[in-house]
């Protein structure tokens, strides 16, 4: 008999799938679906990303410039556009006109960090007997988060606590590394002093944190990874499972939205995270795969990497200056997308279309206002927290878990913004956001 927890998750996803089908003109998801490559192509790790040099001095892909040249080229591009009207761009669709890409909640596009086939979180279940075993085990878990400064991770944490309480598992410690590797290493050591039966964590740097996770496993803790895995760890041997959003699928959704918004043709750029981080690589790969295989009249002409999300505008300045015909830019998550938007405004490119991943409050407001960010692929942080807890439960009772578990993609445009917010966070959208949507209708 399946658990009530699993039944509720499935019901939510199926209801949302039917809603998306209705909004996309009744097309079957399979009519829009393109399979990704059979395995993930590997980590992107550029030595320059950690060399300590200033970002504007690095020689990243399609980013051969220094800041002074960038500012000059940007001014020149804007002047040329104003004087000669030489930049011919595709028409931009209003956010109110964009349709919701049709994605099945049963099919995951991502593969795992070692090329494993993904298992949808909707397939996880616990029998009554297994639930009793969990409660009788008096298990304890600890969580070493990479960061807790955004609503998504805090929602995930809330779901973890809610689910563990239902399962009778005690949460003995939660830490926030604030994206600092040395802090995460210290946090893992501190949490192990509480003798947890399992450690749940997102490695900030797979190599630098490997020894800490090894020590935790040697001390008897089951390891469940979130979004990333430590270097040289093998599923089913060194860790229970890795759980993530369908990041490849979300990248594909961002590509579909981009394609519709720019009229199916034109030049686009990609702003990616230039570091050894599995899930962000899958996002960029998903976007590029979809564009290259589904939209022959759209060309990716520029790719530029960053390591500091607060300095993305420097990267975007160069991209816009070197490629004045860009119709759109994909940025790998919401904060970098805001940096691209700032650059576009400075360059007088208010017609630029931007798509991204992650449904943050700021980008939700921009979508509601029909701003440059037209849509995105969103994670489902509450459902992901439930899935992480379920995977941990598998490990605690010795039940074999899938090597890689993914939570289905959630395409978001203005037309389904409020519904998507509720789906992602399990609460109504803020009143200010609802008011903006109503005002623009």
Protein backbone atom coordinates (compact mmCIF):
# COMPACT_ATOMS: atom_id res chain seq x y z
CA UNK A 1 0.00 0.00 0.00
CA UNK A 2 1.50 3.34 -1.02
CA UNK A 3 1.95 6.08 1.53
CA UNK A 4 -0.41 9.06 1.76
CA UNK A 5 2.63 11.29 1.18
CA UNK A 6 3.35 9.77 -2.22
CA UNK A 7 -0.30 9.85 -3.26
CA UNK A 8 -0.61 13.57 -2.50
CA UNK A 9 2.50 14.42 -4.51
CA UNK A 10 1.26 12.47 -7.52
CA UNK A 11 -2.16 14.08 -7.34
CA UNK A 12 -0.71 17.60 -7.36
CA UNK A 13 1.51 16.84 -10.33
CA UNK A 14 -1.23 15.22 -12.38
CA UNK A 15 -3.63 18.08 -11.76
CA UNK A 16 -0.96 20.58 -12.82
CA UNK A 17 -0.17 18.50 -15.94
CA UNK A 18 -3.81 18.58 -17.02
CA UNK A 19 -3.89 22.37 -16.49
CA UNK A 20 -0.81 22.85 -18.64
CA UNK A 21 -2.28 20.64 -21.35
CA UNK A 22 -5.41 22.75 -21.44
CA UNK A 23 -3.44 26.01 -21.68
CA UNK A 24 -1.27 24.71 -24.53
CA UNK A 25 -4.16 24.08 -26.86
CA UNK A 26 -4.65 20.43 -25.96
CA UNK A 27 -1.40 19.29 -27.57
CA UNK A 28 0.07 16.14 -26.16
CA UNK A 29 3.36 16.66 -24.35
CA UNK A 30 4.96 14.08 -26.64
CA UNK A 31 4.31 16.36 -29.62
CA UNK A 32 6.65 18.97 -28.12
CA UNK A 33 9.16 16.62 -26.53
CA UNK A 34 12.72 16.05 -27.72
CA UNK A 35 14.92 13.52 -25.98
CA UNK A 36 18.22 14.75 -24.55
CA UNK A 37 21.46 12.94 -25.21
CA UNK A 38 21.65 9.49 -23.64
CA UNK A 39 24.14 10.65 -21.06
CA UNK A 40 25.34 13.86 -19.54
CA UNK A 41 28.41 15.28 -21.26
CA UNK A 42 30.43 15.94 -18.11
CA UNK A 43 31.44 18.72 -15.78
CA UNK A 44 32.50 22.09 -17.10
CA UNK A 45 35.53 23.12 -15.06
CA UNK A 46 37.58 26.07 -16.30
CA UNK A 47 40.81 26.74 -14.45
CA UNK A 48 40.46 30.46 -14.95
CA UNK A 49 37.28 30.41 -12.91
CA UNK A 50 39.25 29.89 -9.71
CA UNK A 51 42.48 31.59 -10.68
CA UNK A 52 41.84 34.68 -8.60
CA UNK A 53 42.00 37.01 -11.60
CA UNK A 54 39.37 39.69 -11.98
CA UNK A 55 36.40 38.52 -14.02
CA UNK A 56 36.93 41.19 -16.69
CA UNK A 57 40.52 39.98 -17.20
CA UNK A 58 39.54 36.34 -17.75
CA UNK A 59 39.43 34.82 -21.23
CA UNK A 60 36.09 33.00 -21.05
CA UNK A 61 34.26 31.78 -24.15
CA UNK A 62 33.06 34.63 -26.34
CA UNK A 63 34.27 37.07 -23.73
CA UNK A 64 37.63 38.31 -25.02
CA UNK A 65 37.51 41.85 -23.76
CA UNK A 66 38.40 44.10 -20.87
CA UNK A 67 35.97 46.34 -19.06
CA UNK A 68 37.07 49.61 -20.66
CA UNK A 69 36.68 48.15 -24.17
CA UNK A 70 33.27 46.79 -23.21
CA UNK A 71 31.95 50.15 -22.08
CA UNK A 72 33.22 51.82 -25.26
CA UNK A 73 31.75 49.15 -27.54
CA UNK A 74 28.42 49.33 -25.75
CA UNK A 75 28.24 53.09 -26.27
CA UNK A 76 29.21 52.70 -29.92
CA UNK A 77 26.60 49.99 -30.50
CA UNK A 78 23.88 52.14 -28.97
CA UNK A 79 24.98 55.14 -31.06
CA UNK A 80 24.97 53.09 -34.27
CA UNK A 81 21.50 51.82 -33.51
CA UNK A 82 20.20 55.32 -32.84
CA UNK A 83 21.79 56.92 -35.92
CA UNK A 84 21.53 54.26 -38.59
CA UNK A 85 18.95 51.73 -37.39
CA UNK A 86 21.27 48.93 -38.49
CA UNK A 87 20.17 46.29 -35.98
CA UNK A 88 17.33 44.18 -37.40
CA UNK A 89 15.75 42.05 -34.68
CA UNK A 90 12.87 39.61 -34.54
CA UNK A 91 9.55 40.92 -33.21
CA UNK A 92 9.14 40.36 -29.48
CA UNK A 93 5.95 38.68 -28.32
CA UNK A 94 4.12 40.18 -25.36
CA UNK A 95 4.33 38.07 -22.21
CA UNK A 96 0.53 37.93 -22.20
CA UNK A 97 0.63 36.13 -25.58
CA UNK A 98 3.13 33.41 -24.65
CA UNK A 99 1.89 29.85 -24.19
CA UNK A 100 3.03 27.43 -21.49
CA UNK A 101 5.39 24.80 -22.96
CA UNK A 102 3.87 21.33 -22.62
CA UNK A 103 6.00 19.15 -20.38
CA UNK A 104 4.99 15.77 -18.97
CA UNK A 105 5.47 15.41 -15.23
CA UNK A 106 6.20 11.70 -15.73
CA UNK A 107 9.15 12.10 -18.08
CA UNK A 108 12.43 13.57 -16.86
CA UNK A 109 14.86 15.02 -19.38
CA UNK A 110 17.88 15.17 -17.07
CA UNK A 111 20.38 12.41 -16.43
CA UNK A 112 22.39 11.98 -13.25
CA UNK A 113 25.93 13.23 -12.57
CA UNK A 114 27.35 9.85 -13.60
CA UNK A 115 25.03 9.47 -16.59
CA UNK A 116 22.35 7.58 -14.66
CA UNK A 117 18.79 7.51 -15.94
CA UNK A 118 16.56 9.74 -13.82
CA UNK A 119 13.63 8.47 -11.80
CA UNK A 120 10.78 10.92 -11.27
CA UNK A 121 10.12 11.90 -7.67
CA UNK A 122 6.49 10.94 -8.33
CA UNK A 123 7.56 7.27 -8.32
CA UNK A 124 8.81 7.28 -4.71
CA UNK A 125 6.63 5.48 -2.18
CA UNK A 126 6.72 3.84 1.24
CA UNK A 127 4.50 1.03 2.43
CA UNK A 128 2.77 1.05 5.81
CA UNK A 129 5.30 -1.51 7.00
CA UNK A 130 8.19 0.70 5.91
CA UNK A 131 6.63 3.72 7.59
CA UNK A 132 6.40 1.77 10.84
CA UNK A 133 10.05 0.72 10.49
CA UNK A 134 11.02 4.38 10.18
CA UNK A 135 9.08 5.43 13.28
CA UNK A 136 10.45 2.52 15.29
CA UNK A 137 14.02 3.34 14.23
CA UNK A 138 14.14 6.69 16.07
CA UNK A 139 16.43 8.02 13.34
CA UNK A 140 18.17 11.40 13.37
CA UNK A 141 19.20 13.50 10.37
CA UNK A 142 21.24 16.66 9.84
CA UNK A 143 21.39 19.07 6.90
CA UNK A 144 24.46 20.95 5.65
CA UNK A 145 23.00 23.48 3.22
CA UNK A 146 25.15 25.42 0.78
CA UNK A 147 22.98 28.51 1.32
CA UNK A 148 19.67 29.46 2.93
CA UNK A 149 19.39 33.04 1.77
CA UNK A 150 16.62 32.57 -0.78
CA UNK A 151 12.98 31.56 -0.67
CA UNK A 152 13.56 28.43 -2.70
CA UNK A 153 16.00 26.80 -0.27
CA UNK A 154 13.95 27.88 2.73
CA UNK A 155 10.86 26.32 1.14
CA UNK A 156 12.83 23.14 0.55
CA UNK A 157 13.93 23.17 4.19
CA UNK A 158 10.33 23.63 5.36
CA UNK A 159 9.24 20.65 3.25
CA UNK A 160 12.06 18.53 4.67
CA UNK A 161 11.05 19.34 8.22
CA UNK A 162 7.35 18.73 7.49
CA UNK A 163 8.04 15.39 5.85
CA UNK A 164 10.50 14.14 8.45
CA UNK A 165 7.98 14.98 11.16
CA UNK A 166 5.38 12.84 9.37
CA UNK A 167 7.92 10.03 9.02
CA UNK A 168 8.93 10.16 12.69
CA UNK A 169 12.52 11.19 11.90
CA UNK A 170 14.21 13.82 14.10
CA UNK A 171 16.08 16.77 12.56
CA UNK A 172 18.99 17.43 14.91
CA UNK A 173 20.81 20.18 13.03
CA UNK A 174 20.67 22.55 10.06
CA UNK A 175 23.58 24.71 8.87
CA UNK A 176 24.04 27.43 6.22
CA UNK A 177 27.47 27.67 4.56
CA UNK A 178 26.61 30.92 2.72
CA UNK A 179 28.32 29.50 -0.39
CA UNK A 180 31.70 29.29 1.38
CA UNK A 181 33.50 25.97 1.02
CA UNK A 182 35.51 26.27 4.22
CA UNK A 183 32.33 27.04 6.17
CA UNK A 184 30.59 23.99 4.75
CA UNK A 185 33.50 21.74 5.67
CA UNK A 186 33.39 23.03 9.25
CA UNK A 187 29.60 22.68 9.35
CA UNK A 188 29.71 19.02 8.33
CA UNK A 189 32.22 18.31 11.11
CA UNK A 190 30.03 20.13 13.64
CA UNK A 191 26.90 18.26 12.55
CA UNK A 192 28.65 14.89 12.85
CA UNK A 193 29.23 15.66 16.53
CA UNK A 194 25.43 15.25 16.88
CA UNK A 195 25.72 11.64 15.62
CA UNK A 196 23.08 11.80 12.88
CA UNK A 197 22.07 8.68 10.99
CA UNK A 198 22.07 10.66 7.75
CA UNK A 199 23.58 13.85 6.33
CA UNK A 200 21.76 15.76 3.59
CA UNK A 201 23.85 18.28 1.69
CA UNK A 202 24.66 20.21 -1.49
CA UNK A 203 28.45 20.21 -2.01
CA UNK A 204 29.61 23.71 -2.92
CA UNK A 205 32.84 22.36 -4.37
CA UNK A 206 32.84 18.60 -5.11
CA UNK A 207 36.61 18.24 -4.71
CA UNK A 208 37.21 20.39 -1.63
CA UNK A 209 34.35 18.79 0.31
CA UNK A 210 35.04 15.16 -0.61
CA UNK A 211 37.08 14.36 2.49
CA UNK A 212 34.38 15.75 4.82
CA UNK A 213 31.66 13.59 3.28
CA UNK A 214 34.00 10.57 3.37
CA UNK A 215 34.56 11.12 7.07
CA UNK A 216 30.83 11.42 7.70
CA UNK A 217 30.13 8.20 5.82
CA UNK A 218 32.93 6.40 7.65
CA UNK A 219 31.35 7.50 10.95
CA UNK A 220 28.13 5.76 9.90
CA UNK A 221 26.01 8.53 8.37
CA UNK A 222 24.05 7.83 5.21
CA UNK A 223 24.75 10.54 2.62
CA UNK A 224 22.02 12.05 0.45
CA UNK A 225 23.16 14.66 -2.03
CA UNK A 226 21.05 17.58 -3.21
CA UNK A 227 21.69 19.11 -6.67
CA UNK A 228 25.40 18.19 -6.72
CA UNK A 229 27.61 15.31 -5.59
CA UNK A 230 31.06 15.08 -4.04
CA UNK A 231 33.95 14.03 -6.26
CA UNK A 232 34.61 10.31 -6.75
CA UNK A 233 31.43 9.24 -4.93
CA UNK A 234 29.47 6.30 -6.36
CA UNK A 235 25.69 5.88 -5.93
CA UNK A 236 24.57 2.95 -3.85
CA UNK A 237 28.10 2.58 -2.49
CA UNK A 238 29.22 5.94 -1.14
CA UNK A 239 25.84 7.69 -1.03
CA UNK A 240 22.16 6.79 -1.04
CA UNK A 241 20.93 8.99 -3.87
CA UNK A 242 21.20 12.40 -5.49
CA UNK A 243 18.03 14.50 -5.76
CA UNK A 244 17.59 17.50 -8.03
CA UNK A 245 15.14 19.39 -10.16
CA UNK A 246 14.87 18.37 -13.80
CA UNK A 247 17.39 21.03 -14.71
CA UNK A 248 17.87 19.84 -18.28
CA UNK A 249 14.10 19.96 -18.72
CA UNK A 250 13.90 23.43 -17.21
CA UNK A 251 16.60 24.58 -19.63
CA UNK A 252 14.54 23.17 -22.49
CA UNK A 253 11.45 25.00 -21.22
CA UNK A 254 13.42 28.26 -21.14
CA UNK A 255 14.43 27.60 -24.75
CA UNK A 256 10.82 27.00 -25.85
CA UNK A 257 9.74 30.26 -24.21
CA UNK A 258 12.65 32.12 -25.80
CA UNK A 259 11.82 30.74 -29.23
CA UNK A 260 8.19 31.82 -29.06
CA UNK A 261 9.04 35.24 -27.63
CA UNK A 262 11.47 36.11 -30.46
CA UNK A 263 9.29 34.73 -33.23
CA UNK A 264 11.22 31.52 -33.88
CA UNK A 265 14.27 33.14 -35.46
CA UNK A 266 17.27 35.28 -34.58
CA UNK A 267 20.53 35.25 -32.66
CA UNK A 268 20.71 34.41 -28.95
CA UNK A 269 23.37 34.24 -26.27
CA UNK A 270 23.95 32.06 -23.20
CA UNK A 271 25.29 33.29 -19.85
CA UNK A 272 26.46 30.25 -17.85
CA UNK A 273 28.02 29.55 -14.45
CA UNK A 274 31.71 28.92 -15.09
CA UNK A 275 32.32 26.43 -12.28
CA UNK A 276 32.22 22.74 -11.43
CA UNK A 277 28.51 22.63 -10.59
CA UNK A 278 26.50 19.80 -12.10
CA UNK A 279 22.99 21.24 -12.10
CA UNK A 280 23.80 24.62 -13.59
CA UNK A 281 25.69 22.90 -16.40
CA UNK A 282 22.60 20.81 -17.13
CA UNK A 283 20.48 23.95 -17.32
CA UNK A 284 22.69 25.53 -19.96
CA UNK A 285 23.04 22.24 -21.83
CA UNK A 286 19.25 21.79 -21.85
CA UNK A 287 18.71 25.25 -23.29
CA UNK A 288 21.34 24.78 -25.99
CA UNK A 289 20.16 21.28 -26.88
CA UNK A 290 16.59 22.43 -27.38
CA UNK A 291 17.54 25.46 -29.49
CA UNK A 292 19.94 23.49 -31.67
CA UNK A 293 17.56 20.58 -32.26
CA UNK A 294 14.13 22.21 -32.39
CA UNK A 295 14.67 25.71 -33.77
CA UNK A 296 16.85 25.77 -36.91
CA UNK A 297 16.30 29.49 -37.48
CA UNK A 298 17.67 30.44 -34.07
CA UNK A 299 21.46 30.55 -33.72
CA UNK A 300 23.46 30.59 -30.48
CA UNK A 301 26.19 33.07 -31.39
CA UNK A 302 27.65 33.90 -27.97
CA UNK A 303 28.38 32.06 -24.71
CA UNK A 304 29.96 33.75 -21.71
CA UNK A 305 30.72 32.47 -18.23
CA UNK A 306 30.77 34.09 -14.79
CA UNK A 307 31.82 33.08 -11.30
CA UNK A 308 30.33 35.97 -9.31
CA UNK A 309 26.60 36.45 -9.80
CA UNK A 310 26.90 40.07 -8.69
CA UNK A 311 29.22 40.90 -11.61
CA UNK A 312 27.26 39.34 -14.45
CA UNK A 313 26.56 42.75 -15.97
CA UNK A 314 30.25 42.98 -16.90
CA UNK A 315 29.94 39.75 -18.88
CA UNK A 316 26.65 40.82 -20.45
CA UNK A 317 28.08 44.23 -21.41
CA UNK A 318 30.65 42.50 -23.58
CA UNK A 319 28.17 40.08 -25.10
CA UNK A 320 25.77 42.86 -26.12
CA UNK A 321 28.56 45.01 -27.48
CA UNK A 322 30.11 42.23 -29.54
CA UNK A 323 26.78 40.92 -30.80
CA UNK A 324 24.42 43.87 -31.39
CA UNK A 325 21.92 41.65 -33.27
CA UNK A 326 21.11 39.51 -30.24
CA UNK A 327 17.38 38.94 -29.93
CA UNK A 328 17.61 37.13 -26.62
CA UNK A 329 19.85 35.89 -23.81
CA UNK A 330 19.45 32.85 -21.55
CA UNK A 331 20.89 33.29 -18.05
CA UNK A 332 21.40 30.21 -15.91
CA UNK A 333 19.45 31.41 -12.86
CA UNK A 334 17.39 34.40 -11.80
CA UNK A 335 20.00 36.69 -10.22
CA UNK A 336 22.32 36.57 -13.27
CA UNK A 337 19.24 37.20 -15.43
CA UNK A 338 18.69 40.45 -13.54
CA UNK A 339 22.32 41.36 -14.27
CA UNK A 340 21.76 40.77 -17.99
CA UNK A 341 18.66 42.95 -17.82
CA UNK A 342 20.62 45.78 -16.18
CA UNK A 343 23.19 45.63 -18.98
CA UNK A 344 20.49 45.64 -21.64
CA UNK A 345 18.86 48.71 -20.13
CA UNK A 346 22.20 50.52 -20.04
CA UNK A 347 22.74 49.65 -23.70
CA UNK A 348 19.29 50.85 -24.69
CA UNK A 349 18.23 47.29 -25.50
CA UNK A 350 14.81 47.25 -23.83
CA UNK A 351 13.66 44.92 -26.62
CA UNK A 352 15.97 42.11 -25.49
CA UNK A 353 14.21 38.88 -24.47
CA UNK A 354 15.62 37.08 -21.41
CA UNK A 355 14.71 33.63 -20.09
CA UNK A 356 16.16 31.88 -17.08
CA UNK A 357 15.71 29.24 -14.35
CA UNK A 358 14.28 29.67 -10.81
CA UNK A 359 11.13 31.51 -9.82
CA UNK A 360 12.43 34.22 -7.50
CA UNK A 361 10.32 37.14 -6.31
CA UNK A 362 12.11 39.71 -8.47
CA UNK A 363 11.89 37.80 -11.74
CA UNK A 364 8.26 36.94 -10.99
CA UNK A 365 7.53 40.67 -10.71
CA UNK A 366 9.36 41.36 -13.99
CA UNK A 367 7.35 38.67 -15.79
CA UNK A 368 4.12 40.07 -14.33
CA UNK A 369 5.05 43.55 -15.60
CA UNK A 370 5.82 42.18 -19.09
CA UNK A 371 9.45 43.18 -18.68
CA UNK A 372 12.50 41.77 -20.46
CA UNK A 373 12.33 38.45 -18.60
CA UNK A 374 9.49 36.69 -20.42
CA UNK A 375 9.51 33.31 -18.72
CA UNK A 376 11.55 30.58 -17.10
CA UNK A 377 11.85 26.99 -16.01
CA UNK A 378 11.15 26.71 -12.28
CA UNK A 379 12.12 24.26 -9.62
CA UNK A 380 9.47 22.86 -7.30
CA UNK A 381 11.27 23.40 -3.98
CA UNK A 382 8.56 22.04 -1.70
CA UNK A 383 8.12 18.86 -3.74
CA UNK A 384 11.90 18.57 -3.99
CA UNK A 385 12.15 18.74 -0.20
CA UNK A 386 9.59 15.93 0.05
CA UNK A 387 11.59 13.86 -2.45
CA UNK A 388 14.86 14.41 -0.55
CA UNK A 389 13.21 13.27 2.68
CA UNK A 390 11.77 10.20 0.94
CA UNK A 391 15.18 9.29 -0.52
CA UNK A 392 16.69 9.67 2.95
CA UNK A 393 13.99 7.38 4.36
CA UNK A 394 14.96 4.75 1.81
CA UNK A 395 18.55 4.90 3.01
CA UNK A 396 17.66 4.80 6.70
CA UNK A 397 15.66 1.58 6.39
CA UNK A 398 18.01 -0.05 3.89
CA UNK A 399 15.63 0.16 0.93
CA UNK A 400 17.49 0.52 -2.39
CA UNK A 401 16.98 4.02 -3.75
CA UNK A 402 17.29 5.25 -7.35
CA UNK A 403 20.74 6.66 -8.01
CA UNK A 404 19.29 9.89 -9.36
CA UNK A 405 15.86 11.31 -8.50
CA UNK A 406 14.50 14.37 -10.27
CA UNK A 407 11.50 16.59 -9.64
CA UNK A 408 9.63 17.48 -12.87
CA UNK A 409 10.24 20.75 -14.68
CA UNK A 410 7.80 23.64 -14.26
CA UNK A 411 7.58 26.04 -17.24
CA UNK A 412 6.46 29.54 -16.22
CA UNK A 413 5.17 32.44 -18.32
CA UNK A 414 2.91 35.31 -17.37
CA UNK A 415 -0.21 33.31 -18.20
CA UNK A 416 0.42 30.71 -15.49
CA UNK A 417 2.57 32.80 -13.13
CA UNK A 418 0.26 32.77 -10.11
CA UNK A 419 -0.57 29.08 -10.47
CA UNK A 420 3.13 28.23 -10.88
CA UNK A 421 4.05 30.20 -7.77
CA UNK A 422 1.55 28.19 -5.74
CA UNK A 423 2.79 24.95 -7.31
CA UNK A 424 6.41 25.76 -6.50
CA UNK A 425 6.03 27.17 -2.99
CA UNK A 426 2.76 25.56 -1.84
CA UNK A 427 1.28 28.92 -0.93
CA UNK A 428 -0.47 31.73 -2.75
CA UNK A 429 1.58 34.30 -4.59
CA UNK A 430 2.16 37.59 -2.75
CA UNK A 431 -0.70 40.07 -3.13
CA UNK A 432 1.61 42.55 -4.88
CA UNK A 433 2.34 39.96 -7.56
CA UNK A 434 -1.32 39.06 -8.01
CA UNK A 435 -2.18 42.75 -8.31
CA UNK A 436 0.43 43.24 -11.04
CA UNK A 437 -0.93 40.32 -13.05
CA UNK A 438 -4.49 41.64 -12.70
CA UNK A 439 -3.41 45.16 -13.68
CA UNK A 440 -1.80 43.98 -16.92
CA UNK A 441 -4.78 41.86 -18.04
